[in-house]
């Protein structure tokens, strides 16, 4: 009986120790707003950002969250991000005197992201936390299409008419400043709030590599830029262990 009792005691202690070592963890879904930002450096000065394309869209994904010790932990997951931009009408050439012709660029963007964040949670009340996080994200572009429309004025009727442009992929073009790499790496920083199973996170991702693969036709220099992103995500843990 003593041996059985001691064996059961050891097993119970081991189970308790294992339980103590288990982290606070959860698996859930998140959805939110995203603003991918594609920056382009000036052809004449590689240190000057002369052109910025801001896309508006949304983000949806799955996330696994774990806190190991004293609030420190990690968050990993996969997101799908969509962005689009329908720019306003502008003159074909800034130096032209007449207002026509005009052009407008329409962009759609699809992306899959794998992110790994290190985080720290402050417990401000029972089951209520504030958090700070930072970490890298590997982005894979699934689709980046552009269409350039032209608007002109009919001299006989003085009515505007639009000539739709051809749609093409930025991953398969050799045009200057429009040829992009599919893969990008960013580093994000952000803050968030969690109450029980619900959480809110928001932050900014800084591009770490040059997304352009084409060269400037006039200087021969490699086109340079950066791909950043604003994002806000609202989520819920479908399974959560406290």
C-alpha atoms as a PDB file:
ATOM      1  CA  UNK A   1       0.000   0.000   0.000  1.00  0.00           C
ATOM      2  CA  UNK A   2       2.876   2.340   0.817  1.00  0.00           C
ATOM      3  CA  UNK A   3       4.377   1.705  -2.618  1.00  0.00           C
ATOM      4  CA  UNK A   4       1.038   2.323  -4.327  1.00  0.00           C
ATOM      5  CA  UNK A   5       0.511   5.479  -2.261  1.00  0.00           C
ATOM      6  CA  UNK A   6       4.000   6.754  -3.040  1.00  0.00           C
ATOM      7  CA  UNK A   7       3.544   5.956  -6.734  1.00  0.00           C
ATOM      8  CA  UNK A   8       0.228   7.806  -6.830  1.00  0.00           C
ATOM      9  CA  UNK A   9       1.798  10.738  -4.952  1.00  0.00           C
ATOM     10  CA  UNK A  10       4.686  10.937  -7.411  1.00  0.00           C
ATOM     11  CA  UNK A  11       2.289  10.744 -10.364  1.00  0.00           C
ATOM     12  CA  UNK A  12       0.083  13.472  -8.881  1.00  0.00           C
ATOM     13  CA  UNK A  13       3.089  15.688  -8.200  1.00  0.00           C
ATOM     14  CA  UNK A  14       4.352  15.142 -11.738  1.00  0.00           C
ATOM     15  CA  UNK A  15       0.934  15.957 -13.176  1.00  0.00           C
ATOM     16  CA  UNK A  16       0.771  19.087 -11.035  1.00  0.00           C
ATOM     17  CA  UNK A  17       4.246  20.157 -12.095  1.00  0.00           C
ATOM     18  CA  UNK A  18       3.344  19.566 -15.739  1.00  0.00           C
ATOM     19  CA  UNK A  19       0.176  21.577 -15.290  1.00  0.00           C
ATOM     20  CA  UNK A  20       2.139  24.411 -13.724  1.00  0.00           C
ATOM     21  CA  UNK A  21       4.498  24.418 -16.710  1.00  0.00           C
ATOM     22  CA  UNK A  22       1.651  24.661 -19.214  1.00  0.00           C
ATOM     23  CA  UNK A  23       1.411  28.225 -20.530  1.00  0.00           C
ATOM     24  CA  UNK A  24      -1.670  30.365 -20.757  1.00  0.00           C
ATOM     25  CA  UNK A  25      -2.632  29.800 -24.359  1.00  0.00           C
ATOM     26  CA  UNK A  26      -5.399  30.233 -26.860  1.00  0.00           C
ATOM     27  CA  UNK A  27      -6.334  29.684 -30.487  1.00  0.00           C
ATOM     28  CA  UNK A  28      -8.671  32.053 -32.268  1.00  0.00           C
ATOM     29  CA  UNK A  29      -9.739  34.141 -35.225  1.00  0.00           C
ATOM     30  CA  UNK A  30      -9.045  37.786 -35.995  1.00  0.00           C
ATOM     31  CA  UNK A  31     -10.419  40.233 -38.549  1.00  0.00           C
ATOM     32  CA  UNK A  32      -9.768  43.912 -39.095  1.00  0.00           C
ATOM     33  CA  UNK A  33      -8.716  46.880 -41.199  1.00  0.00           C
ATOM     34  CA  UNK A  34      -5.457  47.125 -43.133  1.00  0.00           C
ATOM     35  CA  UNK A  35      -3.699  49.855 -45.081  1.00  0.00           C
ATOM     36  CA  UNK A  36      -0.774  48.535 -47.131  1.00  0.00           C
ATOM     37  CA  UNK A  37       1.579  51.349 -48.168  1.00  0.00           C
ATOM     38  CA  UNK A  38       3.879  50.970 -51.171  1.00  0.00           C
ATOM     39  CA  UNK A  39       6.640  53.593 -51.116  1.00  0.00           C
ATOM     40  CA  UNK A  40       8.867  54.519 -54.037  1.00  0.00           C
ATOM     41  CA  UNK A  41      12.167  56.375 -53.868  1.00  0.00           C
ATOM     42  CA  UNK A  42      12.910  59.284 -56.171  1.00  0.00           C
ATOM     43  CA  UNK A  43      14.897  58.274 -59.304  1.00  0.00           C
ATOM     44  CA  UNK A  44      17.206  61.236 -58.684  1.00  0.00           C
ATOM     45  CA  UNK A  45      17.780  60.702 -54.966  1.00  0.00           C
ATOM     46  CA  UNK A  46      17.690  57.243 -53.411  1.00  0.00           C
ATOM     47  CA  UNK A  47      17.114  58.753 -49.955  1.00  0.00           C
ATOM     48  CA  UNK A  48      13.944  60.662 -50.888  1.00  0.00           C
ATOM     49  CA  UNK A  49      10.512  59.019 -50.973  1.00  0.00           C
ATOM     50  CA  UNK A  50       8.795  60.735 -53.894  1.00  0.00           C
ATOM     51  CA  UNK A  51       5.755  58.548 -54.449  1.00  0.00           C
ATOM     52  CA  UNK A  52       3.457  56.686 -52.064  1.00  0.00           C
ATOM     53  CA  UNK A  53       0.538  54.416 -52.964  1.00  0.00           C
ATOM     54  CA  UNK A  54      -1.874  53.761 -50.076  1.00  0.00           C
ATOM     55  CA  UNK A  55      -4.241  50.823 -50.387  1.00  0.00           C
ATOM     56  CA  UNK A  56      -7.358  50.369 -48.263  1.00  0.00           C
ATOM     57  CA  UNK A  57      -8.544  46.908 -47.331  1.00  0.00           C
ATOM     58  CA  UNK A  58      -9.113  44.275 -44.695  1.00  0.00           C
ATOM     59  CA  UNK A  59      -7.290  41.463 -42.917  1.00  0.00           C
ATOM     60  CA  UNK A  60      -8.539  38.070 -41.670  1.00  0.00           C
ATOM     61  CA  UNK A  61      -6.648  35.183 -40.119  1.00  0.00           C
ATOM     62  CA  UNK A  62      -5.979  32.667 -37.364  1.00  0.00           C
ATOM     63  CA  UNK A  63      -3.744  33.204 -34.341  1.00  0.00           C
ATOM     64  CA  UNK A  64      -2.167  31.079 -31.597  1.00  0.00           C
ATOM     65  CA  UNK A  65      -1.247  32.956 -28.426  1.00  0.00           C
ATOM     66  CA  UNK A  66       0.793  31.733 -25.425  1.00  0.00           C
ATOM     67  CA  UNK A  67       2.126  33.442 -22.265  1.00  0.00           C
ATOM     68  CA  UNK A  68       4.948  31.556 -20.547  1.00  0.00           C
ATOM     69  CA  UNK A  69       6.274  33.508 -17.575  1.00  0.00           C
ATOM     70  CA  UNK A  70       5.497  36.842 -15.914  1.00  0.00           C
ATOM     71  CA  UNK A  71       3.410  38.007 -18.844  1.00  0.00           C
ATOM     72  CA  UNK A  72       6.021  37.268 -21.499  1.00  0.00           C
ATOM     73  CA  UNK A  73       4.910  35.166 -24.442  1.00  0.00           C
ATOM     74  CA  UNK A  74       4.445  34.921 -28.177  1.00  0.00           C
ATOM     75  CA  UNK A  75       1.761  35.103 -30.816  1.00  0.00           C
ATOM     76  CA  UNK A  76       1.957  33.355 -34.195  1.00  0.00           C
ATOM     77  CA  UNK A  77      -0.501  33.026 -37.032  1.00  0.00           C
ATOM     78  CA  UNK A  78      -1.463  33.383 -40.669  1.00  0.00           C
ATOM     79  CA  UNK A  79      -3.391  36.280 -42.231  1.00  0.00           C
ATOM     80  CA  UNK A  80      -4.938  37.023 -45.591  1.00  0.00           C
ATOM     81  CA  UNK A  81      -4.838  40.716 -46.528  1.00  0.00           C
ATOM     82  CA  UNK A  82      -6.695  42.459 -49.347  1.00  0.00           C
ATOM     83  CA  UNK A  83      -6.076  46.025 -50.460  1.00  0.00           C
ATOM     84  CA  UNK A  84      -7.340  48.253 -53.258  1.00  0.00           C
ATOM     85  CA  UNK A  85      -6.769  51.793 -54.501  1.00  0.00           C
ATOM     86  CA  UNK A  86      -8.765  53.799 -57.013  1.00  0.00           C
ATOM     87  CA  UNK A  87      -6.783  57.005 -57.374  1.00  0.00           C
ATOM     88  CA  UNK A  88      -8.202  60.294 -58.523  1.00  0.00           C
ATOM     89  CA  UNK A  89      -7.881  61.681 -62.038  1.00  0.00           C
ATOM     90  CA  UNK A  90      -4.620  63.538 -62.688  1.00  0.00           C
ATOM     91  CA  UNK A  91      -2.962  65.117 -65.702  1.00  0.00           C
ATOM     92  CA  UNK A  92      -0.936  62.755 -67.838  1.00  0.00           C
ATOM     93  CA  UNK A  93       1.981  65.150 -67.543  1.00  0.00           C
ATOM     94  CA  UNK A  94       2.422  67.748 -64.813  1.00  0.00           C
ATOM     95  CA  UNK A  95       3.806  70.223 -67.349  1.00  0.00           C
ATOM     96  CA  UNK A  96       0.833  70.046 -69.731  1.00  0.00           C
ATOM     97  CA  UNK A  97      -1.274  73.211 -70.002  1.00  0.00           C
ATOM     98  CA  UNK A  98      -4.659  71.712 -70.883  1.00  0.00           C
ATOM     99  CA  UNK A  99      -6.497  69.649 -68.223  1.00  0.00           C
ATOM    100  CA  UNK A 100      -6.905  66.702 -70.624  1.00  0.00           C
ATOM    101  CA  UNK A 101      -5.888  63.946 -71.071  1.00  0.00           C
ATOM    102  CA  UNK A 102      -6.021  62.614 -67.522  1.00  0.00           C
ATOM    103  CA  UNK A 103      -5.143  59.216 -66.080  1.00  0.00           C
ATOM    104  CA  UNK A 104      -6.144  57.156 -63.071  1.00  0.00           C
ATOM    105  CA  UNK A 105      -4.476  54.033 -61.647  1.00  0.00           C
ATOM    106  CA  UNK A 106      -6.603  51.249 -60.161  1.00  0.00           C
ATOM    107  CA  UNK A 107      -4.794  48.651 -57.996  1.00  0.00           C
ATOM    108  CA  UNK A 108      -5.921  45.443 -56.301  1.00  0.00           C
ATOM    109  CA  UNK A 109      -3.687  43.469 -53.959  1.00  0.00           C
ATOM    110  CA  UNK A 110      -3.928  39.989 -52.359  1.00  0.00           C
ATOM    111  CA  UNK A 111      -1.403  38.784 -49.789  1.00  0.00           C
ATOM    112  CA  UNK A 112      -0.780  35.906 -47.354  1.00  0.00           C
ATOM    113  CA  UNK A 113       1.207  36.664 -44.181  1.00  0.00           C
ATOM    114  CA  UNK A 114       2.999  34.484 -41.636  1.00  0.00           C
ATOM    115  CA  UNK A 115       3.730  36.475 -38.468  1.00  0.00           C
ATOM    116  CA  UNK A 116       5.643  35.784 -35.239  1.00  0.00           C
ATOM    117  CA  UNK A 117       5.304  38.338 -32.424  1.00  0.00           C
ATOM    118  CA  UNK A 118       6.931  38.485 -29.002  1.00  0.00           C
ATOM    119  CA  UNK A 119       4.662  40.125 -26.485  1.00  0.00           C
ATOM    120  CA  UNK A 120       4.260  41.208 -22.895  1.00  0.00           C
ATOM    121  CA  UNK A 121       0.860  41.385 -21.165  1.00  0.00           C
ATOM    122  CA  UNK A 122       0.073  43.628 -18.189  1.00  0.00           C
ATOM    123  CA  UNK A 123      -2.809  42.352 -16.093  1.00  0.00           C
ATOM    124  CA  UNK A 124      -4.684  45.531 -15.134  1.00  0.00           C
ATOM    125  CA  UNK A 125      -7.747  43.750 -13.698  1.00  0.00           C
ATOM    126  CA  UNK A 126      -9.142  40.235 -13.442  1.00  0.00           C
ATOM    127  CA  UNK A 127      -8.948  38.635 -16.908  1.00  0.00           C
ATOM    128  CA  UNK A 128      -8.125  42.059 -18.394  1.00  0.00           C
ATOM    129  CA  UNK A 129      -4.771  42.789 -20.013  1.00  0.00           C
ATOM    130  CA  UNK A 130      -2.865  45.481 -21.841  1.00  0.00           C
ATOM    131  CA  UNK A 131      -0.163  44.220 -24.206  1.00  0.00           C
ATOM    132  CA  UNK A 132       2.854  45.339 -26.220  1.00  0.00           C
ATOM    133  CA  UNK A 133       4.241  43.254 -29.051  1.00  0.00           C
ATOM    134  CA  UNK A 134       6.887  43.259 -31.762  1.00  0.00           C
ATOM    135  CA  UNK A 135       8.140  40.796 -34.348  1.00  0.00           C
ATOM    136  CA  UNK A 136       8.696  39.872 -38.017  1.00  0.00           C
ATOM    137  CA  UNK A 137       6.188  39.021 -40.730  1.00  0.00           C
ATOM    138  CA  UNK A 138       6.880  37.093 -43.925  1.00  0.00           C
ATOM    139  CA  UNK A 139       4.567  38.313 -46.700  1.00  0.00           C
ATOM    140  CA  UNK A 140       3.790  36.476 -49.921  1.00  0.00           C
ATOM    141  CA  UNK A 141       1.984  38.399 -52.643  1.00  0.00           C
ATOM    142  CA  UNK A 142      -0.686  36.286 -54.331  1.00  0.00           C
ATOM    143  CA  UNK A 143      -1.825  38.984 -56.720  1.00  0.00           C
ATOM    144  CA  UNK A 144      -0.933  42.609 -57.471  1.00  0.00           C
ATOM    145  CA  UNK A 145      -2.774  43.923 -60.528  1.00  0.00           C
ATOM    146  CA  UNK A 146      -2.845  47.420 -62.003  1.00  0.00           C
ATOM    147  CA  UNK A 147      -5.057  49.122 -64.588  1.00  0.00           C
ATOM    148  CA  UNK A 148      -4.399  52.596 -65.948  1.00  0.00           C
ATOM    149  CA  UNK A 149      -7.501  54.335 -67.333  1.00  0.00           C
ATOM    150  CA  UNK A 150      -7.352  57.491 -69.469  1.00  0.00           C
ATOM    151  CA  UNK A 151      -9.966  60.242 -69.562  1.00  0.00           C
ATOM    152  CA  UNK A 152     -10.198  62.737 -72.425  1.00  0.00           C
ATOM    153  CA  UNK A 153     -12.519  65.427 -73.766  1.00  0.00           C
ATOM    154  CA  UNK A 154     -14.369  65.026 -77.058  1.00  0.00           C
ATOM    155  CA  UNK A 155     -13.727  68.333 -78.948  1.00  0.00           C
ATOM    156  CA  UNK A 156     -16.946  68.054 -80.960  1.00  0.00           C
ATOM    157  CA  UNK A 157     -19.360  67.425 -78.057  1.00  0.00           C
ATOM    158  CA  UNK A 158     -17.199  68.741 -75.170  1.00  0.00           C
ATOM    159  CA  UNK A 159     -18.088  65.593 -73.223  1.00  0.00           C
ATOM    160  CA  UNK A 160     -15.660  63.457 -71.238  1.00  0.00           C
ATOM    161  CA  UNK A 161     -15.023  59.870 -72.212  1.00  0.00           C
ATOM    162  CA  UNK A 162     -12.926  57.162 -70.566  1.00  0.00           C
ATOM    163  CA  UNK A 163     -10.609  54.693 -72.265  1.00  0.00           C
ATOM    164  CA  UNK A 164     -10.130  51.648 -69.971  1.00  0.00           C
ATOM    165  CA  UNK A 165      -6.566  50.408 -69.810  1.00  0.00           C
ATOM    166  CA  UNK A 166      -5.326  46.831 -69.841  1.00  0.00           C
ATOM    167  CA  UNK A 167      -4.958  45.031 -66.534  1.00  0.00           C
ATOM    168  CA  UNK A 168      -1.527  43.568 -65.831  1.00  0.00           C
ATOM    169  CA  UNK A 169       0.320  41.953 -62.938  1.00  0.00           C
ATOM    170  CA  UNK A 170       3.098  43.868 -61.194  1.00  0.00           C
ATOM    171  CA  UNK A 171       4.884  40.535 -60.643  1.00  0.00           C
ATOM    172  CA  UNK A 172       5.140  39.814 -64.367  1.00  0.00           C
ATOM    173  CA  UNK A 173       5.980  43.221 -65.847  1.00  0.00           C
ATOM    174  CA  UNK A 174       9.284  44.788 -66.803  1.00  0.00           C
ATOM    175  CA  UNK A 175       7.938  48.335 -66.683  1.00  0.00           C
ATOM    176  CA  UNK A 176       9.892  50.903 -64.708  1.00  0.00           C
ATOM    177  CA  UNK A 177       8.878  51.265 -61.042  1.00  0.00           C
ATOM    178  CA  UNK A 178       6.102  48.672 -61.443  1.00  0.00           C
ATOM    179  CA  UNK A 179       7.896  45.345 -61.257  1.00  0.00           C
ATOM    180  CA  UNK A 180       7.594  43.847 -57.763  1.00  0.00           C
ATOM    181  CA  UNK A 181       8.905  40.836 -55.860  1.00  0.00           C
ATOM    182  CA  UNK A 182       6.363  38.417 -54.424  1.00  0.00           C
ATOM    183  CA  UNK A 183       8.069  38.040 -51.047  1.00  0.00           C
ATOM    184  CA  UNK A 184       8.620  40.767 -48.486  1.00  0.00           C
ATOM    185  CA  UNK A 185       9.693  40.889 -44.834  1.00  0.00           C
ATOM    186  CA  UNK A 186       8.464  43.484 -42.355  1.00  0.00           C
ATOM    187  CA  UNK A 187       9.047  44.205 -38.674  1.00  0.00           C
ATOM    188  CA  UNK A 188       5.996  45.273 -36.697  1.00  0.00           C
ATOM    189  CA  UNK A 189       5.383  47.064 -33.417  1.00  0.00           C
ATOM    190  CA  UNK A 190       2.013  47.439 -31.748  1.00  0.00           C
ATOM    191  CA  UNK A 191      -0.180  47.468 -28.673  1.00  0.00           C
ATOM    192  CA  UNK A 192      -3.411  45.795 -27.701  1.00  0.00           C
ATOM    193  CA  UNK A 193      -6.099  45.027 -25.166  1.00  0.00           C
ATOM    194  CA  UNK A 194      -7.582  41.713 -24.043  1.00  0.00           C
ATOM    195  CA  UNK A 195     -10.686  40.986 -21.976  1.00  0.00           C
ATOM    196  CA  UNK A 196     -11.334  37.303 -21.294  1.00  0.00           C
ATOM    197  CA  UNK A 197     -11.521  35.676 -24.742  1.00  0.00           C
ATOM    198  CA  UNK A 198     -11.702  38.915 -26.741  1.00  0.00           C
ATOM    199  CA  UNK A 199      -8.770  41.021 -27.918  1.00  0.00           C
ATOM    200  CA  UNK A 200      -7.950  44.118 -29.953  1.00  0.00           C
ATOM    201  CA  UNK A 201      -4.519  44.721 -31.529  1.00  0.00           C
ATOM    202  CA  UNK A 202      -3.171  47.529 -33.653  1.00  0.00           C
ATOM    203  CA  UNK A 203       0.240  48.421 -35.023  1.00  0.00           C
ATOM    204  CA  UNK A 204       2.545  49.356 -37.873  1.00  0.00           C
ATOM    205  CA  UNK A 205       4.801  47.099 -39.952  1.00  0.00           C
ATOM    206  CA  UNK A 206       8.019  48.523 -41.396  1.00  0.00           C
ATOM    207  CA  UNK A 207       9.352  47.038 -44.646  1.00  0.00           C
ATOM    208  CA  UNK A 208      12.843  45.549 -44.304  1.00  0.00           C
ATOM    209  CA  UNK A 209      13.649  44.708 -47.925  1.00  0.00           C
ATOM    210  CA  UNK A 210      13.317  46.446 -51.268  1.00  0.00           C
ATOM    211  CA  UNK A 211      10.155  45.128 -52.991  1.00  0.00           C
ATOM    212  CA  UNK A 212      11.130  46.425 -56.450  1.00  0.00           C
ATOM    213  CA  UNK A 213      13.067  44.287 -58.912  1.00  0.00           C
ATOM    214  CA  UNK A 214      13.209  46.631 -61.933  1.00  0.00           C
ATOM    215  CA  UNK A 215      15.737  49.314 -62.808  1.00  0.00           C
ATOM    216  CA  UNK A 216      15.245  52.958 -63.684  1.00  0.00           C
ATOM    217  CA  UNK A 217      15.303  53.304 -67.465  1.00  0.00           C
ATOM    218  CA  UNK A 218      17.109  56.667 -67.455  1.00  0.00           C
ATOM    219  CA  UNK A 219      19.800  56.199 -64.804  1.00  0.00           C
ATOM    220  CA  UNK A 220      20.118  52.404 -64.771  1.00  0.00           C
ATOM    221  CA  UNK A 221      19.970  52.435 -60.972  1.00  0.00           C
ATOM    222  CA  UNK A 222      17.922  49.814 -59.195  1.00  0.00           C
ATOM    223  CA  UNK A 223      14.485  51.133 -58.229  1.00  0.00           C
ATOM    224  CA  UNK A 224      14.225  51.217 -54.456  1.00  0.00           C
ATOM    225  CA  UNK A 225      11.359  51.542 -52.006  1.00  0.00           C
ATOM    226  CA  UNK A 226       9.629  50.034 -49.004  1.00  0.00           C
ATOM    227  CA  UNK A 227       6.406  48.182 -48.314  1.00  0.00           C
ATOM    228  CA  UNK A 228       4.756  49.089 -44.981  1.00  0.00           C
ATOM    229  CA  UNK A 229       1.361  48.445 -43.423  1.00  0.00           C
ATOM    230  CA  UNK A 230      -1.041  49.864 -40.823  1.00  0.00           C
ATOM    231  CA  UNK A 231      -3.425  47.358 -39.264  1.00  0.00           C
ATOM    232  CA  UNK A 232      -6.089  47.015 -36.558  1.00  0.00           C
ATOM    233  CA  UNK A 233      -7.433  43.555 -35.650  1.00  0.00           C
ATOM    234  CA  UNK A 234     -10.366  42.440 -33.512  1.00  0.00           C
ATOM    235  CA  UNK A 235     -10.383  38.807 -32.438  1.00  0.00           C
ATOM    236  CA  UNK A 236     -11.808  36.094 -30.244  1.00  0.00           C
ATOM    237  CA  UNK A 237     -10.202  32.941 -28.835  1.00  0.00           C
ATOM    238  CA  UNK A 238     -12.277  29.905 -29.776  1.00  0.00           C
ATOM    239  CA  UNK A 239     -10.223  27.862 -27.331  1.00  0.00           C
ATOM    240  CA  UNK A 240      -8.510  29.467 -24.352  1.00  0.00           C
ATOM    241  CA  UNK A 241      -6.603  27.993 -21.382  1.00  0.00           C
ATOM    242  CA  UNK A 242      -5.968  30.380 -18.502  1.00  0.00           C
END
